Amino acid sequence: KSKYLALDCEMVGIGSEGKQSALARVSLSDWYGEVVLDTFVKVPSRVTDFRTHVSGVTAKHLHSDDAMELHACRKKVAEILKDKVLVGHALKNDLQALLLDHPKEDIRDTAKYRPFQRASGRNGGKWRPRKLRDLVKEHLNIDIQVVGQAHDSTEDARASMDLFKHVREVWEKELKRQATSTSGKKRK
């Protein structure tokens, strides 16, 4: 249980139209929902859209003395995540914003877990991720990301961990089975 950590990040918009995302808040929680890290991040570019209605981030947060410099935040997150299994929802976005990599075998992304996805397209041909809010409501009967309220990255990190814990045994068994069948193929 100590090897699992959940991550969620909030972004703000930079660039002329605020469409480019920049890291603004990072939250990590452990198996038990305890916050390991929760920090706002000083954005090195001019913020053109705080996305406060979604991110909950304001200028005051980013300019506070408690906000970390981006490089220091990335370094700290990398140190904390070393040798850990990373849990989260759509982690590609968070890792991209942090400019970090994490070993694929140590990622449990609830957006990519097939039983949490839905088929779409002709004859249900393509699997698509569902919203964390909807998965948490369906599987745990918990309301998060309530419409009209800003997201809270600590709440979202905890929610993705709780969702993972709900299916952990089955998920980990499936990963072991896949690893065994893959290593068996390589030997032949």
N, C-alpha and C. Protein backbone atom coordinates (compact mmCIF):
# COMPACT_ATOMS: atom_id res chain seq x y z
N LYS A 1 0.82 -1.20 0.00
CA LYS A 1 0.00 0.00 0.00
C LYS A 1 0.86 1.26 0.00
N SER A 2 2.04 1.17 0.59
CA SER A 2 2.90 2.36 0.66
C SER A 2 3.53 2.68 -0.70
N LYS A 3 3.45 1.74 -1.64
CA LYS A 3 4.06 2.00 -2.95
C LYS A 3 3.16 2.81 -3.88
N TYR A 4 1.90 3.01 -3.51
CA TYR A 4 0.96 3.72 -4.37
C TYR A 4 0.82 5.19 -3.98
N LEU A 5 0.89 6.07 -4.98
CA LEU A 5 0.63 7.49 -4.79
C LEU A 5 -0.27 7.98 -5.92
N ALA A 6 -1.22 8.85 -5.58
CA ALA A 6 -2.12 9.41 -6.59
C ALA A 6 -1.72 10.85 -6.89
N LEU A 7 -1.82 11.21 -8.17
CA LEU A 7 -1.44 12.53 -8.65
C LEU A 7 -2.60 13.19 -9.37
N ASP A 8 -2.76 14.48 -9.14
CA ASP A 8 -3.64 15.29 -9.97
C ASP A 8 -3.06 16.69 -10.05
N CYS A 9 -3.20 17.29 -11.22
CA CYS A 9 -2.69 18.64 -11.45
C CYS A 9 -3.80 19.52 -11.99
N GLU A 10 -3.67 20.81 -11.74
CA GLU A 10 -4.56 21.80 -12.33
C GLU A 10 -3.71 22.68 -13.24
N MET A 11 -4.30 23.10 -14.33
CA MET A 11 -3.59 23.91 -15.32
C MET A 11 -4.27 25.28 -15.46
N VAL A 12 -3.47 26.23 -15.94
CA VAL A 12 -3.99 27.53 -16.34
C VAL A 12 -3.62 27.72 -17.80
N GLY A 13 -4.22 28.71 -18.44
CA GLY A 13 -3.95 28.96 -19.85
C GLY A 13 -2.91 30.05 -20.05
N ILE A 14 -2.00 29.80 -20.98
CA ILE A 14 -1.01 30.81 -21.36
C ILE A 14 -1.11 30.99 -22.87
N GLY A 15 -0.38 31.96 -23.40
CA GLY A 15 -0.43 32.25 -24.82
C GLY A 15 -1.51 33.28 -25.10
N SER A 16 -1.55 33.78 -26.31
CA SER A 16 -2.43 34.90 -26.64
C SER A 16 -3.90 34.61 -26.34
N GLU A 17 -4.34 33.38 -26.53
CA GLU A 17 -5.75 33.06 -26.28
C GLU A 17 -5.96 32.17 -25.06
N GLY A 18 -4.90 31.87 -24.35
CA GLY A 18 -5.01 31.05 -23.15
C GLY A 18 -5.29 29.59 -23.41
N LYS A 19 -5.00 29.15 -24.62
CA LYS A 19 -5.31 27.76 -25.00
C LYS A 19 -4.19 26.79 -24.63
N GLN A 20 -2.99 27.30 -24.47
CA GLN A 20 -1.86 26.45 -24.10
C GLN A 20 -1.88 26.27 -22.59
N SER A 21 -1.72 25.03 -22.14
CA SER A 21 -1.81 24.75 -20.71
C SER A 21 -0.46 24.86 -20.03
N ALA A 22 -0.50 25.38 -18.80
CA ALA A 22 0.70 25.46 -17.96
C ALA A 22 0.33 24.96 -16.57
N LEU A 23 1.26 24.28 -15.95
CA LEU A 23 1.06 23.72 -14.63
C LEU A 23 0.84 24.82 -13.60
N ALA A 24 -0.20 24.67 -12.77
CA ALA A 24 -0.50 25.69 -11.75
C ALA A 24 -0.65 25.11 -10.35
N ARG A 25 -1.01 23.83 -10.25
CA ARG A 25 -1.16 23.20 -8.94
C ARG A 25 -0.87 21.71 -9.07
N VAL A 26 -0.18 21.17 -8.08
CA VAL A 26 0.15 19.75 -8.05
C VAL A 26 -0.28 19.18 -6.71
N SER A 27 -1.00 18.06 -6.76
CA SER A 27 -1.41 17.39 -5.54
C SER A 27 -1.07 15.90 -5.63
N LEU A 28 -0.48 15.41 -4.55
CA LEU A 28 -0.18 13.98 -4.42
C LEU A 28 -0.79 13.49 -3.11
N SER A 29 -1.45 12.35 -3.17
CA SER A 29 -1.98 11.77 -1.94
C SER A 29 -1.60 10.29 -1.89
N ASP A 30 -1.59 9.76 -0.69
CA ASP A 30 -1.20 8.37 -0.52
C ASP A 30 -2.42 7.44 -0.51
N TRP A 31 -2.17 6.17 -0.25
CA TRP A 31 -3.20 5.14 -0.23
C TRP A 31 -4.36 5.50 0.68
N TYR A 32 -4.05 6.16 1.79
CA TYR A 32 -5.06 6.46 2.81
C TYR A 32 -5.73 7.82 2.60
N GLY A 33 -5.37 8.50 1.53
CA GLY A 33 -5.97 9.81 1.25
C GLY A 33 -5.25 10.97 1.91
N GLU A 34 -4.14 10.67 2.57
CA GLU A 34 -3.37 11.74 3.20
C GLU A 34 -2.60 12.51 2.12
N VAL A 35 -2.60 13.83 2.24
CA VAL A 35 -1.91 14.66 1.25
C VAL A 35 -0.40 14.59 1.50
N VAL A 36 0.32 14.19 0.46
CA VAL A 36 1.77 14.08 0.51
C VAL A 36 2.39 15.40 0.02
N LEU A 37 1.76 16.00 -0.98
CA LEU A 37 2.19 17.29 -1.52
C LEU A 37 0.98 17.98 -2.10
N ASP A 38 0.84 19.25 -1.81
CA ASP A 38 -0.19 20.08 -2.43
C ASP A 38 0.38 21.47 -2.54
N THR A 39 0.72 21.88 -3.75
CA THR A 39 1.36 23.17 -3.94
C THR A 39 0.88 23.85 -5.20
N PHE A 40 0.81 25.15 -5.12
CA PHE A 40 0.61 25.95 -6.33
C PHE A 40 1.99 26.16 -6.94
N VAL A 41 2.01 26.44 -8.24
CA VAL A 41 3.26 26.54 -8.98
C VAL A 41 3.33 27.91 -9.66
N LYS A 42 4.46 28.56 -9.50
CA LYS A 42 4.66 29.85 -10.17
C LYS A 42 4.80 29.58 -11.66
N VAL A 43 3.92 30.15 -12.44
CA VAL A 43 3.93 29.93 -13.89
C VAL A 43 4.95 30.89 -14.51
N PRO A 44 5.95 30.35 -15.24
CA PRO A 44 7.00 31.21 -15.77
C PRO A 44 6.56 32.12 -16.92
N SER A 45 5.39 31.88 -17.48
CA SER A 45 4.86 32.72 -18.56
C SER A 45 3.68 33.53 -18.05
N ARG A 46 3.28 34.51 -18.83
CA ARG A 46 2.12 35.31 -18.45
C ARG A 46 0.86 34.48 -18.59
N VAL A 47 0.07 34.40 -17.52
CA VAL A 47 -1.18 33.64 -17.55
C VAL A 47 -2.26 34.51 -18.20
N THR A 48 -2.88 33.96 -19.24
CA THR A 48 -3.92 34.71 -19.94
C THR A 48 -5.32 34.17 -19.64
N ASP A 49 -5.39 32.98 -19.03
CA ASP A 49 -6.68 32.42 -18.61
C ASP A 49 -6.44 31.55 -17.38
N PHE A 50 -6.90 32.02 -16.25
CA PHE A 50 -6.70 31.25 -15.01
C PHE A 50 -7.61 30.02 -14.95
N ARG A 51 -8.63 29.99 -15.78
CA ARG A 51 -9.57 28.85 -15.80
C ARG A 51 -10.12 28.59 -14.39
N THR A 52 -10.30 29.65 -13.64
CA THR A 52 -10.68 29.54 -12.23
C THR A 52 -11.95 28.73 -12.04
N HIS A 53 -12.90 28.86 -12.95
CA HIS A 53 -14.17 28.12 -12.82
C HIS A 53 -13.95 26.61 -12.82
N VAL A 54 -12.85 26.17 -13.45
CA VAL A 54 -12.53 24.74 -13.48
C VAL A 54 -11.37 24.43 -12.54
N SER A 55 -10.32 25.23 -12.61
CA SER A 55 -9.08 24.92 -11.88
C SER A 55 -9.11 25.35 -10.42
N GLY A 56 -9.92 26.36 -10.10
CA GLY A 56 -9.92 26.90 -8.75
C GLY A 56 -8.71 27.78 -8.48
N VAL A 57 -7.89 27.99 -9.50
CA VAL A 57 -6.64 28.74 -9.35
C VAL A 57 -6.90 30.23 -9.65
N THR A 58 -6.34 31.07 -8.79
CA THR A 58 -6.40 32.52 -9.00
C THR A 58 -4.98 33.08 -9.03
N ALA A 59 -4.86 34.33 -9.45
CA ALA A 59 -3.55 35.00 -9.48
C ALA A 59 -2.92 34.99 -8.09
N LYS A 60 -3.75 35.18 -7.07
CA LYS A 60 -3.26 35.21 -5.69
C LYS A 60 -2.52 33.91 -5.34
N HIS A 61 -3.05 32.77 -5.78
CA HIS A 61 -2.41 31.48 -5.50
C HIS A 61 -1.02 31.40 -6.13
N LEU A 62 -0.92 31.82 -7.38
CA LEU A 62 0.33 31.67 -8.12
C LEU A 62 1.40 32.66 -7.69
N HIS A 63 0.96 33.79 -7.14
CA HIS A 63 1.92 34.82 -6.72
C HIS A 63 2.23 34.74 -5.22
N SER A 64 1.65 33.78 -4.53
CA SER A 64 1.88 33.68 -3.09
C SER A 64 3.31 33.20 -2.82
N ASP A 65 3.79 33.50 -1.64
CA ASP A 65 5.13 33.07 -1.25
C ASP A 65 5.22 31.55 -1.13
N ASP A 66 4.07 30.90 -0.95
CA ASP A 66 4.05 29.44 -0.80
C ASP A 66 4.12 28.71 -2.13
N ALA A 67 3.82 29.39 -3.24
CA ALA A 67 3.87 28.74 -4.55
C ALA A 67 5.31 28.39 -4.89
N MET A 68 5.50 27.19 -5.44
CA MET A 68 6.85 26.72 -5.77
C MET A 68 7.25 27.16 -7.17
N GLU A 69 8.53 27.32 -7.36
CA GLU A 69 9.07 27.53 -8.71
C GLU A 69 8.87 26.23 -9.48
N LEU A 70 8.62 26.34 -10.77
CA LEU A 70 8.33 25.17 -11.60
C LEU A 70 9.42 24.11 -11.51
N HIS A 71 10.68 24.49 -11.69
CA HIS A 71 11.76 23.49 -11.68
C HIS A 71 11.88 22.80 -10.32
N ALA A 72 11.69 23.55 -9.24
CA ALA A 72 11.75 22.96 -7.90
C ALA A 72 10.60 21.99 -7.67
N CYS A 73 9.43 22.35 -8.18
CA CYS A 73 8.25 21.49 -8.06
C CYS A 73 8.46 20.18 -8.81
N ARG A 74 8.94 20.29 -10.04
CA ARG A 74 9.19 19.09 -10.85
C ARG A 74 10.19 18.17 -10.16
N LYS A 75 11.23 18.75 -9.63
CA LYS A 75 12.27 17.97 -8.94
C LYS A 75 11.68 17.26 -7.72
N LYS A 76 10.90 17.98 -6.95
CA LYS A 76 10.30 17.41 -5.74
C LYS A 76 9.33 16.28 -6.08
N VAL A 77 8.49 16.50 -7.09
CA VAL A 77 7.53 15.47 -7.50
C VAL A 77 8.28 14.23 -7.99
N ALA A 78 9.33 14.42 -8.78
CA ALA A 78 10.12 13.30 -9.29
C ALA A 78 10.73 12.49 -8.13
N GLU A 79 11.23 13.20 -7.12
CA GLU A 79 11.81 12.52 -5.96
C GLU A 79 10.75 11.71 -5.21
N ILE A 80 9.58 12.30 -5.02
CA ILE A 80 8.50 11.62 -4.29
C ILE A 80 8.02 10.39 -5.06
N LEU A 81 7.94 10.50 -6.39
CA LEU A 81 7.39 9.41 -7.21
C LEU A 81 8.39 8.29 -7.49
N LYS A 82 9.65 8.51 -7.18
CA LYS A 82 10.67 7.49 -7.47
C LYS A 82 10.30 6.16 -6.79
N ASP A 83 10.28 5.11 -7.59
CA ASP A 83 9.98 3.74 -7.13
C ASP A 83 8.55 3.57 -6.61
N LYS A 84 7.66 4.45 -7.02
CA LYS A 84 6.25 4.36 -6.60
C LYS A 84 5.38 3.96 -7.79
N VAL A 85 4.22 3.41 -7.47
CA VAL A 85 3.21 3.16 -8.50
C VAL A 85 2.32 4.40 -8.51
N LEU A 86 2.20 5.00 -9.67
CA LEU A 86 1.48 6.25 -9.84
C LEU A 86 0.04 5.98 -10.27
N VAL A 87 -0.90 6.52 -9.50
CA VAL A 87 -2.33 6.35 -9.77
C VAL A 87 -2.89 7.72 -10.13
N GLY A 88 -3.82 7.74 -11.07
CA GLY A 88 -4.46 9.01 -11.43
C GLY A 88 -5.39 8.81 -12.60
N HIS A 89 -5.93 9.91 -13.08
CA HIS A 89 -6.88 9.88 -14.19
C HIS A 89 -6.36 10.78 -15.30
N ALA A 90 -6.15 10.20 -16.47
CA ALA A 90 -5.56 10.91 -17.62
C ALA A 90 -4.19 11.46 -17.22
N LEU A 91 -3.36 10.59 -16.73
CA LEU A 91 -2.04 10.98 -16.22
C LEU A 91 -1.12 11.55 -17.29
N LYS A 92 -1.37 11.23 -18.53
CA LYS A 92 -0.54 11.76 -19.62
C LYS A 92 -0.49 13.28 -19.54
N ASN A 93 -1.64 13.91 -19.28
CA ASN A 93 -1.70 15.37 -19.20
C ASN A 93 -0.89 15.90 -18.02
N ASP A 94 -1.02 15.25 -16.87
CA ASP A 94 -0.31 15.69 -15.68
C ASP A 94 1.20 15.51 -15.84
N LEU A 95 1.61 14.35 -16.35
CA LEU A 95 3.03 14.10 -16.55
C LEU A 95 3.62 15.04 -17.59
N GLN A 96 2.83 15.34 -18.62
CA GLN A 96 3.27 16.28 -19.65
C GLN A 96 3.48 17.67 -19.05
N ALA A 97 2.54 18.11 -18.23
CA ALA A 97 2.65 19.43 -17.60
C ALA A 97 3.85 19.50 -16.66
N LEU A 98 4.15 18.39 -16.02
CA LEU A 98 5.30 18.32 -15.10
C LEU A 98 6.62 18.06 -15.85
N LEU A 99 6.52 17.77 -17.14
CA LEU A 99 7.67 17.38 -17.95
C LEU A 99 8.40 16.20 -17.32
N LEU A 100 7.61 15.23 -16.86
CA LEU A 100 8.16 14.04 -16.22
C LEU A 100 7.73 12.78 -16.96
N ASP A 101 8.56 11.76 -16.85
CA ASP A 101 8.22 10.43 -17.33
C ASP A 101 8.07 9.55 -16.10
N HIS A 102 7.34 8.46 -16.27
CA HIS A 102 7.24 7.48 -15.19
C HIS A 102 7.18 6.12 -15.88
N PRO A 103 7.80 5.11 -15.30
CA PRO A 103 7.79 3.78 -15.95
C PRO A 103 6.36 3.31 -16.21
N LYS A 104 6.12 2.87 -17.43
CA LYS A 104 4.78 2.45 -17.84
C LYS A 104 4.21 1.38 -16.91
N GLU A 105 5.06 0.45 -16.49
CA GLU A 105 4.58 -0.64 -15.62
C GLU A 105 4.19 -0.15 -14.22
N ASP A 106 4.57 1.09 -13.91
CA ASP A 106 4.25 1.66 -12.60
C ASP A 106 3.17 2.74 -12.69
N ILE A 107 2.37 2.69 -13.74
CA ILE A 107 1.27 3.66 -13.91
C ILE A 107 -0.06 2.92 -13.88
N ARG A 108 -0.99 3.43 -13.08
CA ARG A 108 -2.36 2.92 -13.03
C ARG A 108 -3.28 4.10 -13.36
N ASP A 109 -3.57 4.24 -14.64
CA ASP A 109 -4.37 5.37 -15.12
C ASP A 109 -5.81 4.93 -15.28
N THR A 110 -6.68 5.47 -14.44
CA THR A 110 -8.09 5.06 -14.46
C THR A 110 -8.79 5.48 -15.75
N ALA A 111 -8.22 6.42 -16.50
CA ALA A 111 -8.80 6.79 -17.79
C ALA A 111 -8.50 5.73 -18.85
N LYS A 112 -7.43 4.95 -18.64
CA LYS A 112 -7.03 3.94 -19.63
C LYS A 112 -7.42 2.53 -19.23
N TYR A 113 -7.97 2.36 -18.07
CA TYR A 113 -8.37 1.03 -17.61
C TYR A 113 -9.63 0.62 -18.36
N ARG A 114 -9.52 -0.42 -19.18
CA ARG A 114 -10.59 -0.80 -20.11
C ARG A 114 -11.96 -0.95 -19.45
N PRO A 115 -12.08 -1.61 -18.30
CA PRO A 115 -13.42 -1.72 -17.70
C PRO A 115 -14.05 -0.37 -17.32
N PHE A 116 -13.23 0.68 -17.23
CA PHE A 116 -13.77 2.02 -16.92
C PHE A 116 -14.06 2.83 -18.18
N GLN A 117 -13.71 2.29 -19.33
CA GLN A 117 -13.93 3.02 -20.59
C GLN A 117 -15.28 2.65 -21.18
N ARG A 118 -15.66 3.38 -22.21
CA ARG A 118 -16.90 3.04 -22.92
C ARG A 118 -16.59 2.95 -24.41
N ALA A 119 -17.29 2.03 -25.03
CA ALA A 119 -17.12 1.86 -26.47
C ALA A 119 -17.90 2.94 -27.19
N SER A 120 -17.33 3.42 -28.29
CA SER A 120 -18.05 4.42 -29.10
C SER A 120 -17.69 4.19 -30.56
N GLY A 121 -18.34 4.92 -31.40
CA GLY A 121 -18.10 4.76 -32.83
C GLY A 121 -18.97 3.66 -33.40
N ARG A 122 -18.74 3.36 -34.65
CA ARG A 122 -19.52 2.31 -35.32
C ARG A 122 -19.31 0.97 -34.64
N ASN A 123 -20.38 0.32 -34.30
CA ASN A 123 -20.33 -0.99 -33.64
C ASN A 123 -19.48 -0.97 -32.37
N GLY A 124 -19.40 0.20 -31.72
CA GLY A 124 -18.62 0.30 -30.48
C GLY A 124 -17.15 0.02 -30.70
N GLY A 125 -16.62 0.43 -31.84
CA GLY A 125 -15.26 0.06 -32.23
C GLY A 125 -14.13 0.68 -31.46
N LYS A 126 -14.31 1.87 -30.90
CA LYS A 126 -13.20 2.53 -30.23
C LYS A 126 -13.51 2.74 -28.75
N TRP A 127 -12.53 2.43 -27.92
CA TRP A 127 -12.70 2.60 -26.48
C TRP A 127 -12.29 4.00 -26.09
N ARG A 128 -13.15 4.67 -25.33
CA ARG A 128 -12.90 6.05 -24.93
C ARG A 128 -12.94 6.18 -23.41
N PRO A 129 -12.07 7.06 -22.87
CA PRO A 129 -12.10 7.29 -21.43
C PRO A 129 -13.37 8.01 -21.00
N ARG A 130 -13.76 7.78 -19.77
CA ARG A 130 -14.91 8.49 -19.20
C ARG A 130 -14.40 9.50 -18.19
N LYS A 131 -15.25 10.42 -17.82
CA LYS A 131 -14.86 11.44 -16.85
C LYS A 131 -14.69 10.82 -15.47
N LEU A 132 -13.69 11.30 -14.75
CA LEU A 132 -13.44 10.85 -13.40
C LEU A 132 -14.70 11.04 -12.55
N ARG A 133 -15.33 12.17 -12.69
CA ARG A 133 -16.55 12.48 -11.93
C ARG A 133 -17.60 11.39 -12.10
N ASP A 134 -17.80 10.96 -13.35
CA ASP A 134 -18.83 9.94 -13.63
C ASP A 134 -18.43 8.57 -13.08
N LEU A 135 -17.17 8.21 -13.20
CA LEU A 135 -16.70 6.92 -12.69
C LEU A 135 -16.82 6.84 -11.17
N VAL A 136 -16.43 7.91 -10.50
CA VAL A 136 -16.48 7.95 -9.04
C VAL A 136 -17.93 7.89 -8.55
N LYS A 137 -18.82 8.56 -9.26
CA LYS A 137 -20.24 8.52 -8.89
C LYS A 137 -20.79 7.11 -9.09
N GLU A 138 -20.48 6.51 -10.23
CA GLU A 138 -21.01 5.19 -10.57
C GLU A 138 -20.47 4.08 -9.67
N HIS A 139 -19.18 4.09 -9.40
CA HIS A 139 -18.55 2.97 -8.68
C HIS A 139 -18.46 3.18 -7.16
N LEU A 140 -18.41 4.45 -6.73
CA LEU A 140 -18.21 4.73 -5.31
C LEU A 140 -19.36 5.52 -4.69
N ASN A 141 -20.27 5.98 -5.56
CA ASN A 141 -21.40 6.81 -5.13
C ASN A 141 -20.95 8.06 -4.37
N ILE A 142 -19.89 8.69 -4.91
CA ILE A 142 -19.35 9.92 -4.34
C ILE A 142 -19.43 11.01 -5.40
N ASP A 143 -19.82 12.19 -4.98
CA ASP A 143 -19.89 13.34 -5.89
C ASP A 143 -18.60 14.15 -5.79
N ILE A 144 -17.93 14.32 -6.93
CA ILE A 144 -16.77 15.21 -7.03
C ILE A 144 -16.99 16.10 -8.25
N GLN A 145 -16.17 17.12 -8.39
CA GLN A 145 -16.24 18.01 -9.55
C GLN A 145 -17.69 18.44 -9.81
N VAL A 146 -18.34 18.90 -8.79
CA VAL A 146 -19.74 19.31 -8.89
C VAL A 146 -19.84 20.49 -9.85
N VAL A 147 -20.80 20.42 -10.76
CA VAL A 147 -21.00 21.48 -11.75
C VAL A 147 -21.19 22.81 -11.04
N GLY A 148 -20.46 23.82 -11.51
CA GLY A 148 -20.55 25.14 -10.91
C GLY A 148 -19.50 25.37 -9.83
N GLN A 149 -18.77 24.31 -9.45
CA GLN A 149 -17.71 24.45 -8.45
C GLN A 149 -16.36 24.11 -9.10
N ALA A 150 -15.32 24.77 -8.65
CA ALA A 150 -13.98 24.51 -9.19
C ALA A 150 -13.50 23.13 -8.76
N HIS A 151 -12.65 22.54 -9.59
CA HIS A 151 -12.03 21.27 -9.24
C HIS A 151 -11.07 21.49 -8.08
N ASP A 152 -10.87 20.45 -7.31
CA ASP A 152 -9.89 20.46 -6.22
C ASP A 152 -8.96 19.30 -6.50
N SER A 153 -7.70 19.60 -6.79
CA SER A 153 -6.79 18.53 -7.19
C SER A 153 -6.51 17.53 -6.08
N THR A 154 -6.61 17.94 -4.81
CA THR A 154 -6.44 16.95 -3.74
C THR A 154 -7.62 15.99 -3.73
N GLU A 155 -8.81 16.52 -3.94
CA GLU A 155 -10.01 15.68 -3.98
C GLU A 155 -9.96 14.72 -5.18
N ASP A 156 -9.51 15.24 -6.32
CA ASP A 156 -9.43 14.40 -7.52
C ASP A 156 -8.37 13.31 -7.38
N ALA A 157 -7.24 13.63 -6.75
CA ALA A 157 -6.20 12.61 -6.52
C ALA A 157 -6.74 11.52 -5.61
N ARG A 158 -7.39 11.92 -4.52
CA ARG A 158 -7.98 10.93 -3.60
C ARG A 158 -9.04 10.09 -4.31
N ALA A 159 -9.85 10.73 -5.13
CA ALA A 159 -10.93 10.02 -5.84
C ALA A 159 -10.35 8.98 -6.80
N SER A 160 -9.29 9.33 -7.51
CA SER A 160 -8.70 8.36 -8.44
C SER A 160 -8.08 7.19 -7.66
N MET A 161 -7.50 7.48 -6.49
CA MET A 161 -6.95 6.41 -5.65
C MET A 161 -8.08 5.51 -5.14
N ASP A 162 -9.17 6.10 -4.69
CA ASP A 162 -10.31 5.31 -4.21
C ASP A 162 -10.89 4.44 -5.32
N LEU A 163 -10.94 5.00 -6.51
CA LEU A 163 -11.44 4.25 -7.67
C LEU A 163 -10.50 3.08 -7.98
N PHE A 164 -9.20 3.34 -7.94
CA PHE A 164 -8.23 2.28 -8.15
C PHE A 164 -8.35 1.19 -7.09
N LYS A 165 -8.47 1.59 -5.84
CA LYS A 165 -8.58 0.62 -4.74
C LYS A 165 -9.81 -0.28 -4.93
N HIS A 166 -10.84 0.28 -5.52
CA HIS A 166 -12.09 -0.45 -5.76
C HIS A 166 -11.87 -1.66 -6.69
N VAL A 167 -10.90 -1.54 -7.60
CA VAL A 167 -10.67 -2.60 -8.60
C VAL A 167 -9.23 -3.13 -8.56
N ARG A 168 -8.48 -2.77 -7.55
CA ARG A 168 -7.05 -3.07 -7.51
C ARG A 168 -6.73 -4.55 -7.70
N GLU A 169 -7.40 -5.41 -6.97
CA GLU A 169 -7.06 -6.84 -7.06
C GLU A 169 -7.18 -7.36 -8.48
N VAL A 170 -8.30 -7.06 -9.10
CA VAL A 170 -8.54 -7.53 -10.47
C VAL A 170 -7.53 -6.90 -11.43
N TRP A 171 -7.29 -5.60 -11.29
CA TRP A 171 -6.37 -4.87 -12.17
C TRP A 171 -4.96 -5.44 -12.05
N GLU A 172 -4.47 -5.62 -10.83
CA GLU A 172 -3.11 -6.11 -10.63
C GLU A 172 -2.96 -7.55 -11.13
N LYS A 173 -3.99 -8.38 -10.93
CA LYS A 173 -3.94 -9.76 -11.45
C LYS A 173 -3.85 -9.75 -12.97
N GLU A 174 -4.61 -8.87 -13.61
CA GLU A 174 -4.60 -8.77 -15.06
C GLU A 174 -3.21 -8.32 -15.55
N LEU A 175 -2.61 -7.37 -14.87
CA LEU A 175 -1.27 -6.91 -15.25
C LEU A 175 -0.25 -8.04 -15.11
N LYS A 176 -0.35 -8.82 -14.05
CA LYS A 176 0.56 -9.96 -13.85
C LYS A 176 0.37 -10.99 -14.97
N ARG A 177 -0.90 -11.25 -15.29
CA ARG A 177 -1.20 -12.21 -16.36
C ARG A 177 -0.61 -11.74 -17.68
N GLN A 178 -0.78 -10.45 -17.98
CA GLN A 178 -0.24 -9.89 -19.22
C GLN A 178 1.28 -9.97 -19.25
N ALA A 179 1.91 -9.66 -18.11
CA ALA A 179 3.37 -9.71 -18.04
C ALA A 179 3.88 -11.13 -18.24
N THR A 180 3.18 -12.10 -17.67
CA THR A 180 3.56 -13.50 -17.80
C THR A 180 3.42 -13.96 -19.24
N SER A 181 2.31 -13.61 -19.87
CA SER A 181 2.10 -14.06 -21.26
C SER A 181 3.06 -13.35 -22.20
N THR A 182 3.42 -12.11 -21.92
CA THR A 182 4.38 -11.37 -22.76
C THR A 182 5.76 -11.95 -22.60
N SER A 183 6.18 -12.24 -21.37
CA SER A 183 7.53 -12.78 -21.15
C SER A 183 7.63 -14.19 -21.71
N GLY A 184 6.54 -14.93 -21.71
CA GLY A 184 6.53 -16.28 -22.28
C GLY A 184 6.72 -16.24 -23.79
N LYS A 185 6.13 -15.25 -24.44
CA LYS A 185 6.27 -15.10 -25.88
C LYS A 185 7.69 -14.74 -26.28
N LYS A 186 8.35 -13.94 -25.43
CA LYS A 186 9.70 -13.49 -25.76
C LYS A 186 10.70 -14.64 -25.72
N ARG A 187 10.46 -15.64 -24.87
CA ARG A 187 11.39 -16.74 -24.71
C ARG A 187 11.35 -17.71 -25.91
N LYS A 188 10.23 -17.79 -26.56
CA LYS A 188 10.07 -18.79 -27.62
C LYS A 188 10.86 -18.47 -28.85
